[in-house]
Amino acid sequence: MAKTQFAVQMGMGTDLRGADYTKAACRAVHDALHRHFLNVGRAFGLSYDAMLVDIRVGVAKPDAVDLDKVAAEAPVGKVSVEAVEGGLDNEMLGNTVIIANAIVTVSFDVEKEG
């Protein structure tokens, strides 16, 4: 069987006052996952538990992200998370505004025909 990608979604999240990279990352993943309901797997008889959810979040300080909290944003499937350098830190009215970007891919371990 081969890991086959079924969907990709992107999202953005911010923390305006707390300078909390985890909060911004969680909001970015939430934004990505709540754009639509992924039922394509169900159309092929695949369960939500079989879903492979790969999350990559970009923030200015990847080491400051609690990956377990970010993973908890995905309600189903086998989840893997990584934080990479990206996003943006911006100064606004004396506060550091954290902007995180997320890309979430959903795959299943299935046989491809042909």
C-alpha atoms as a PDB file:
ATOM      1  CA  MET A   1       0.000   0.000   0.000  1.00  0.00           C
ATOM      2  CA  ALA A   2       1.109   3.562  -0.594  1.00  0.00           C
ATOM      3  CA  LYS A   3       0.402   6.787   1.215  1.00  0.00           C
ATOM      4  CA  THR A   4      -1.896   8.647  -1.177  1.00  0.00           C
ATOM      5  CA  GLN A   5      -2.758  12.291  -0.671  1.00  0.00           C
ATOM      6  CA  PHE A   6      -6.470  13.101  -0.885  1.00  0.00           C
ATOM      7  CA  ALA A   7      -6.605  16.758   0.187  1.00  0.00           C
ATOM      8  CA  VAL A   8      -4.491  19.802   1.036  1.00  0.00           C
ATOM      9  CA  GLN A   9      -5.704  22.839   2.938  1.00  0.00           C
ATOM     10  CA  MET A  10      -3.972  25.984   4.166  1.00  0.00           C
ATOM     11  CA  GLY A  11      -4.774  28.300   7.036  1.00  0.00           C
ATOM     12  CA  MET A  12      -3.540  31.353   8.899  1.00  0.00           C
ATOM     13  CA  GLY A  13      -3.660  32.159  12.594  1.00  0.00           C
ATOM     14  CA  THR A  14      -2.550  35.042  14.764  1.00  0.00           C
ATOM     15  CA  ASP A  15      -1.886  35.968  18.353  1.00  0.00           C
ATOM     16  CA  LEU A  16      -2.279  39.726  18.613  1.00  0.00           C
ATOM     17  CA  ARG A  17      -1.119  40.387  22.174  1.00  0.00           C
ATOM     18  CA  GLY A  18       0.257  37.316  23.920  1.00  0.00           C
ATOM     19  CA  ALA A  19       3.245  36.592  21.647  1.00  0.00           C
ATOM     20  CA  ASP A  20       2.196  32.926  21.893  1.00  0.00           C
ATOM     21  CA  TYR A  21       3.490  30.897  18.941  1.00  0.00           C
ATOM     22  CA  THR A  22       1.481  27.832  19.944  1.00  0.00           C
ATOM     23  CA  LYS A  23      -1.776  29.792  20.048  1.00  0.00           C
ATOM     24  CA  ALA A  24      -1.124  31.271  16.598  1.00  0.00           C
ATOM     25  CA  ALA A  25      -0.178  27.827  15.222  1.00  0.00           C
ATOM     26  CA  CYS A  26      -3.327  26.224  16.677  1.00  0.00           C
ATOM     27  CA  ARG A  27      -5.462  28.959  15.152  1.00  0.00           C
ATOM     28  CA  ALA A  28      -3.809  28.422  11.755  1.00  0.00           C
ATOM     29  CA  VAL A  29      -4.547  24.685  11.872  1.00  0.00           C
ATOM     30  CA  HIS A  30      -8.105  25.338  13.044  1.00  0.00           C
ATOM     31  CA  ASP A  31      -8.542  27.757  10.133  1.00  0.00           C
ATOM     32  CA  ALA A  32      -7.288  25.148   7.658  1.00  0.00           C
ATOM     33  CA  LEU A  33      -9.370  22.283   9.025  1.00  0.00           C
ATOM     34  CA  HIS A  34     -12.625  24.191   9.352  1.00  0.00           C
ATOM     35  CA  ARG A  35     -12.864  25.432   5.794  1.00  0.00           C
ATOM     36  CA  HIS A  36     -14.698  22.258   4.796  1.00  0.00           C
ATOM     37  CA  PHE A  37     -15.607  18.797   6.037  1.00  0.00           C
ATOM     38  CA  LEU A  38     -13.368  16.119   4.541  1.00  0.00           C
ATOM     39  CA  ASN A  39     -15.674  13.296   3.597  1.00  0.00           C
ATOM     40  CA  VAL A  40     -13.838  12.119   0.492  1.00  0.00           C
ATOM     41  CA  GLY A  41     -12.364   9.161   2.381  1.00  0.00           C
ATOM     42  CA  ARG A  42     -15.819   8.041   3.447  1.00  0.00           C
ATOM     43  CA  ALA A  43     -16.899   8.038  -0.214  1.00  0.00           C
ATOM     44  CA  PHE A  44     -14.287   5.319  -0.788  1.00  0.00           C
ATOM     45  CA  GLY A  45     -15.203   3.354   2.337  1.00  0.00           C
ATOM     46  CA  LEU A  46     -12.201   4.626   4.346  1.00  0.00           C
ATOM     47  CA  SER A  47     -12.625   5.386   8.029  1.00  0.00           C
ATOM     48  CA  TYR A  48     -11.673   8.591   9.788  1.00  0.00           C
ATOM     49  CA  ASP A  49      -9.338   6.560  11.985  1.00  0.00           C
ATOM     50  CA  ALA A  50      -7.380   5.536   8.864  1.00  0.00           C
ATOM     51  CA  MET A  51      -6.841   9.185   7.910  1.00  0.00           C
ATOM     52  CA  LEU A  52      -3.198  10.304   7.922  1.00  0.00           C
ATOM     53  CA  VAL A  53      -3.097  13.997   8.849  1.00  0.00           C
ATOM     54  CA  ASP A  54       0.213  15.788   8.298  1.00  0.00           C
ATOM     55  CA  ILE A  55       0.459  19.309   9.694  1.00  0.00           C
ATOM     56  CA  ARG A  56       3.254  21.784   9.026  1.00  0.00           C
ATOM     57  CA  VAL A  57       3.130  25.185  10.700  1.00  0.00           C
ATOM     58  CA  GLY A  58       5.405  28.076   9.854  1.00  0.00           C
ATOM     59  CA  VAL A  59       6.286  30.535  12.623  1.00  0.00           C
ATOM     60  CA  ALA A  60       9.234  32.797  13.299  1.00  0.00           C
ATOM     61  CA  LYS A  61      10.288  30.684  16.321  1.00  0.00           C
ATOM     62  CA  PRO A  62       9.466  27.021  15.590  1.00  0.00           C
ATOM     63  CA  ASP A  63      11.007  25.787  18.846  1.00  0.00           C
ATOM     64  CA  ALA A  64       8.418  27.831  20.776  1.00  0.00           C
ATOM     65  CA  VAL A  65       5.490  25.744  19.448  1.00  0.00           C
ATOM     66  CA  ASP A  66       3.959  22.990  21.595  1.00  0.00           C
ATOM     67  CA  LEU A  67       3.451  20.330  18.919  1.00  0.00           C
ATOM     68  CA  ASP A  68       1.111  18.239  21.095  1.00  0.00           C
ATOM     69  CA  LYS A  69      -1.314  21.159  21.428  1.00  0.00           C
ATOM     70  CA  VAL A  70      -1.208  21.758  17.675  1.00  0.00           C
ATOM     71  CA  ALA A  71      -1.846  18.047  16.997  1.00  0.00           C
ATOM     72  CA  ALA A  72      -4.912  18.199  19.257  1.00  0.00           C
ATOM     73  CA  GLU A  73      -6.560  20.555  16.734  1.00  0.00           C
ATOM     74  CA  ALA A  74      -7.084  17.592  14.381  1.00  0.00           C
ATOM     75  CA  PRO A  75     -10.174  15.744  15.610  1.00  0.00           C
ATOM     76  CA  VAL A  76      -9.539  12.447  13.787  1.00  0.00           C
ATOM     77  CA  GLY A  77      -6.830  10.351  12.222  1.00  0.00           C
ATOM     78  CA  LYS A  78      -3.180   9.650  12.848  1.00  0.00           C
ATOM     79  CA  VAL A  79      -1.625  13.090  13.220  1.00  0.00           C
ATOM     80  CA  SER A  80       1.955  14.222  12.691  1.00  0.00           C
ATOM     81  CA  VAL A  81       3.069  17.806  13.268  1.00  0.00           C
ATOM     82  CA  GLU A  82       6.165  19.793  12.531  1.00  0.00           C
ATOM     83  CA  ALA A  83       6.974  23.451  13.081  1.00  0.00           C
ATOM     84  CA  VAL A  84       9.269  25.166  10.601  1.00  0.00           C
ATOM     85  CA  GLU A  85      10.638  28.646  10.203  1.00  0.00           C
ATOM     86  CA  GLY A  86       8.075  30.855   8.506  1.00  0.00           C
ATOM     87  CA  GLY A  87       5.135  33.037   9.399  1.00  0.00           C
ATOM     88  CA  LEU A  88       5.800  36.568  10.588  1.00  0.00           C
ATOM     89  CA  ASP A  89       6.439  38.531  13.761  1.00  0.00           C
ATOM     90  CA  ASN A  90       5.216  42.103  13.480  1.00  0.00           C
ATOM     91  CA  GLU A  91       5.264  45.012  15.910  1.00  0.00           C
ATOM     92  CA  MET A  92       1.924  46.767  16.434  1.00  0.00           C
ATOM     93  CA  LEU A  93       1.204  49.331  19.132  1.00  0.00           C
ATOM     94  CA  GLY A  94       3.955  47.977  21.357  1.00  0.00           C
ATOM     95  CA  ASN A  95       2.853  44.351  21.006  1.00  0.00           C
ATOM     96  CA  THR A  96       4.465  41.592  18.999  1.00  0.00           C
ATOM     97  CA  VAL A  97       1.858  40.165  16.658  1.00  0.00           C
ATOM     98  CA  ILE A  98       2.525  36.527  15.773  1.00  0.00           C
ATOM     99  CA  ILE A  99       1.310  35.280  12.407  1.00  0.00           C
ATOM    100  CA  ALA A 100       1.424  31.542  11.707  1.00  0.00           C
ATOM    101  CA  ASN A 101       0.701  29.688   8.498  1.00  0.00           C
ATOM    102  CA  ALA A 102      -0.353  26.051   8.341  1.00  0.00           C
ATOM    103  CA  ILE A 103      -0.618  23.475   5.626  1.00  0.00           C
ATOM    104  CA  VAL A 104      -2.591  20.340   6.391  1.00  0.00           C
ATOM    105  CA  THR A 105      -2.550  17.320   4.124  1.00  0.00           C
ATOM    106  CA  VAL A 106      -4.897  14.366   4.442  1.00  0.00           C
ATOM    107  CA  SER A 107      -3.803  11.019   3.054  1.00  0.00           C
ATOM    108  CA  PHE A 108      -4.774   7.371   3.251  1.00  0.00           C
ATOM    109  CA  ASP A 109      -2.653   4.250   2.922  1.00  0.00           C
ATOM    110  CA  VAL A 110      -4.283   2.711  -0.175  1.00  0.00           C
ATOM    111  CA  GLU A 111      -3.453   0.765  -3.302  1.00  0.00           C
ATOM    112  CA  LYS A 112      -3.344   2.769  -6.509  1.00  0.00           C
ATOM    113  CA  GLU A 113      -4.723   1.213  -9.654  1.00  0.00           C
ATOM    114  CA  GLY A 114      -2.858   1.396 -12.935  1.00  0.00           C
END
